[in-house]
Amino acid sequence: MRALSLVCTLHASPASSSSHLLAEQVMAQFRDLGADGEVVRVADFDVRPGVELDMGQGDQGPQLRAKVMGADILLIATPIWLGHASSVCQRVLERLDAALSENDDEGRLLTYNKVAAVAVVGNEDGAHKVSADLFQALNDVGFSLAPGAVTYWAGEAQQGTDYQDLDATPDSVASTTHTLAVNTLHLARQLARNPYPPSLKAA
């Protein structure tokens, strides 16, 4: 099993990022459970706007696409901005929309046997809303989601504490992160052994 996390902070490396920290914590859980993993910060790449596989003109979206297609599990980690996922996250979802144009010989999207999960951080309300939006989008482009497929931390509204500024990981976050990892990896292993049936109706 291989997991990939796309971190959708607005900040390129090496800037600190609460989204990146939570993604690393999820990935550590995956590794403890026997899955290999990679954390990639999307802002480090020139991902052009659009819904095509390759937008040309130096677009690095295809590089991220190759990483997604090489993984069994996709984790999207995003901050909350103005009650929504980041603009970087929205661009990732738009580029994943290109998956709708690719099918295997039996009519299945190439993402059908891949599993997705979500990590959300912010110091304002919106974690459930953001995860709901991402769940729908990821399912639309072919990913499956296990029970408990989100871990999140949302600080008290109208204050400036970041997740990375906490002295320790809250027990509630550690618990939801573990549940996400266990259930997501379990579903990915099940799909690896028993893929979805053909989408094309037999003649």
Foldseek 3Di string as FASTA:
>chain_A
DEEEEEEEDLDDPPDDDLLQVLVVLLQVLLVVVPYHYDYHYLNNAQADAAQACDPDPRHPSVVVVVVVLVGQEYEYTAEADPQEGDPSVVRNLSNLNNQVVDADPLGARSQQLHAYAYEYEEQADHPVVHRVVVQVSCVVSHHHYFPLRYAYDYHHHPDDDTPVNDPDDDPRRSVSSNVNSVRNVVSSVVCVVPPDDGPDDDD
